[in-house]
Protein backbone atom coordinates (compact mmCIF):
# COMPACT_ATOMS: atom_id res chain seq x y z
CA MET A 1 19.76 4.44 10.58
CA MET A 2 18.28 3.73 7.14
CA ALA A 3 19.93 5.34 4.12
CA SER A 4 17.79 7.42 1.79
CA ILE A 5 17.05 5.91 -1.60
CA THR A 6 15.86 9.14 -3.16
CA PRO A 7 18.30 10.91 -5.46
CA ALA A 8 20.14 13.82 -3.86
CA THR A 9 19.04 16.16 -6.64
CA SER A 10 16.37 15.19 -9.08
CA GLY A 11 15.75 18.60 -10.65
CA LYS A 12 12.03 18.10 -10.20
CA SER A 13 9.87 19.98 -7.78
CA ARG A 14 7.50 17.73 -5.87
CA PRO A 15 4.15 18.53 -4.36
CA ALA A 16 4.02 18.52 -0.57
CA LEU A 17 1.66 15.54 -0.62
CA VAL A 18 2.91 12.47 -2.45
CA LEU A 19 0.44 9.63 -2.74
CA LEU A 20 1.51 6.16 -1.64
CA GLY A 21 1.00 4.68 -5.11
CA ASN A 22 3.20 7.40 -6.59
CA ARG A 23 5.89 6.62 -4.01
CA LEU A 24 5.84 2.94 -4.99
CA ASP A 25 6.21 3.96 -8.65
CA GLU A 26 9.14 6.24 -7.77
CA ILE A 27 10.93 3.44 -5.91
CA ARG A 28 10.38 1.03 -8.84
CA ASP A 29 11.64 3.66 -11.31
CA LEU A 30 14.69 4.34 -9.17
CA ALA A 31 15.49 0.63 -8.97
CA ARG A 32 15.21 0.36 -12.77
CA LYS A 33 17.11 3.55 -13.63
CA SER A 34 19.77 3.41 -10.88
CA PRO A 35 20.20 -0.26 -10.03
CA GLU A 36 23.64 0.44 -8.62
CA ARG A 37 21.96 2.04 -5.58
CA PHE A 38 20.49 -1.31 -4.52
CA LYS A 39 22.00 -4.66 -3.57
CA ASN A 40 19.19 -6.44 -5.47
CA PRO A 41 17.08 -4.01 -7.57
CA GLY A 42 14.92 -6.81 -8.98
CA ARG A 43 13.85 -7.79 -5.47
CA ILE A 44 12.98 -4.14 -4.69
CA ILE A 45 10.70 -4.00 -7.73
CA GLU A 46 9.15 -7.36 -6.82
CA LYS A 47 8.35 -6.24 -3.26
CA MET A 48 6.88 -2.92 -4.46
CA ASP A 49 4.68 -4.89 -6.86
CA GLN A 50 3.55 -7.11 -3.97
CA PHE A 51 2.80 -4.02 -1.85
CA GLN A 52 0.68 -2.35 -4.58
CA PRO A 53 -2.60 -4.16 -3.76
CA TYR A 54 -2.35 -3.02 -0.13
CA ALA A 55 -1.84 0.58 -1.26
CA GLU A 56 -4.91 0.30 -3.50
CA LEU A 57 -6.98 -1.26 -0.69
CA ARG A 58 -5.90 1.54 1.68
CA SER A 59 -7.01 4.12 -0.85
CA GLU A 60 -10.39 2.50 -1.37
CA LEU A 61 -11.11 2.05 2.33
CA ALA A 62 -9.86 5.51 3.31
CA HIS A 63 -12.42 7.18 1.04
CA ALA A 64 -15.41 5.12 2.18
CA MET A 65 -18.12 5.52 4.77
CA THR A 66 -17.49 2.93 7.48
CA ASP A 67 -19.84 0.95 9.72
CA ALA A 68 -18.87 -1.67 12.28
CA LEU A 69 -21.39 -4.48 12.57
CA VAL A 70 -21.59 -6.98 15.42
CA LEU A 71 -23.37 -10.08 14.17
CA GLU A 72 -25.63 -12.31 16.26
CA ASP A 73 -22.81 -14.78 16.84
CA GLY A 74 -20.61 -11.96 18.21
CA THR A 75 -18.30 -11.67 15.23
CA VAL A 76 -17.47 -8.26 13.85
CA GLN A 77 -17.68 -7.11 10.27
CA ILE A 78 -16.55 -3.78 8.93
CA GLN A 79 -18.62 -2.45 6.06
CA PHE A 80 -17.16 0.16 3.70
CA ASP A 81 -19.74 1.92 1.52
CA ASN A 82 -18.81 3.62 -1.73
CA ALA A 83 -15.26 2.39 -1.37
CA GLY A 84 -13.21 3.41 -4.37
CA LEU A 85 -16.10 5.47 -5.69
CA VAL A 86 -15.89 5.35 -9.47
CA HIS A 87 -19.17 7.09 -10.28
CA PRO A 88 -21.79 8.88 -8.16
CA LEU A 89 -24.58 6.61 -9.48
CA ILE A 90 -22.78 3.38 -8.57
CA GLU A 91 -22.91 2.14 -5.00
CA ARG A 92 -20.06 -0.10 -3.98
CA ARG A 93 -19.70 -1.99 -0.72
CA ILE A 94 -16.78 -3.93 0.74
CA ILE A 95 -17.39 -6.11 3.79
CA LEU A 96 -14.47 -7.48 5.77
CA GLY A 97 -14.95 -10.00 8.54
CA GLU A 98 -12.59 -10.55 11.46
CA GLU A 99 -10.71 -13.42 9.82
CA LYS A 100 -10.16 -11.53 6.57
CA MET A 101 -9.02 -8.41 8.44
CA ARG A 102 -6.60 -10.52 10.48
CA GLU A 103 -5.31 -12.22 7.30
CA ILE A 104 -4.74 -8.86 5.57
CA ALA A 105 -2.98 -7.43 8.64
CA ASN A 106 -0.71 -10.49 9.00
CA ASP A 107 0.13 -10.64 5.29
CA LEU A 108 0.91 -6.92 5.24
CA ALA A 109 3.08 -7.18 8.37
CA ASN A 110 5.04 -10.06 6.81
CA LEU A 111 5.56 -8.11 3.59
CA VAL A 112 6.67 -4.99 5.49
CA ASN A 113 9.21 -7.11 7.41
CA GLN A 114 10.54 -8.49 4.12
CA ILE A 115 10.83 -4.96 2.70
CA ARG A 116 12.68 -3.78 5.81
CA GLN A 117 15.23 -6.55 5.34
CA LEU A 118 16.10 -5.39 1.80
CA GLU A 119 19.46 -3.72 1.64
CA LEU A 120 20.85 -0.71 -0.13
CA LYS A 121 24.40 -0.85 -1.35
């Protein structure tokens, strides 16, 4: 069973929905302000920093219109339109091929395994 790293009483009320990026910030802040709770607080902060780009990518892709394309050679591309919409007049497109998707998934899985191995005191 994994121990909780959140303070028992913070005095703050939290909204029911906490965004992933906010959670990463909370973990970093906790490691900075209460380093005694962690075996290696610097490593916690480092891993949260490494996870941040994946959280940002998730946010961008989750808010996009998605199309799956099968190319003539049989490879698949996923196209995300208006990903990370910054302005209604700007169209933005992200295209991920099979190899890039596989690379992202493998890199993320490796990082998650490293985070799971971090220890609390």
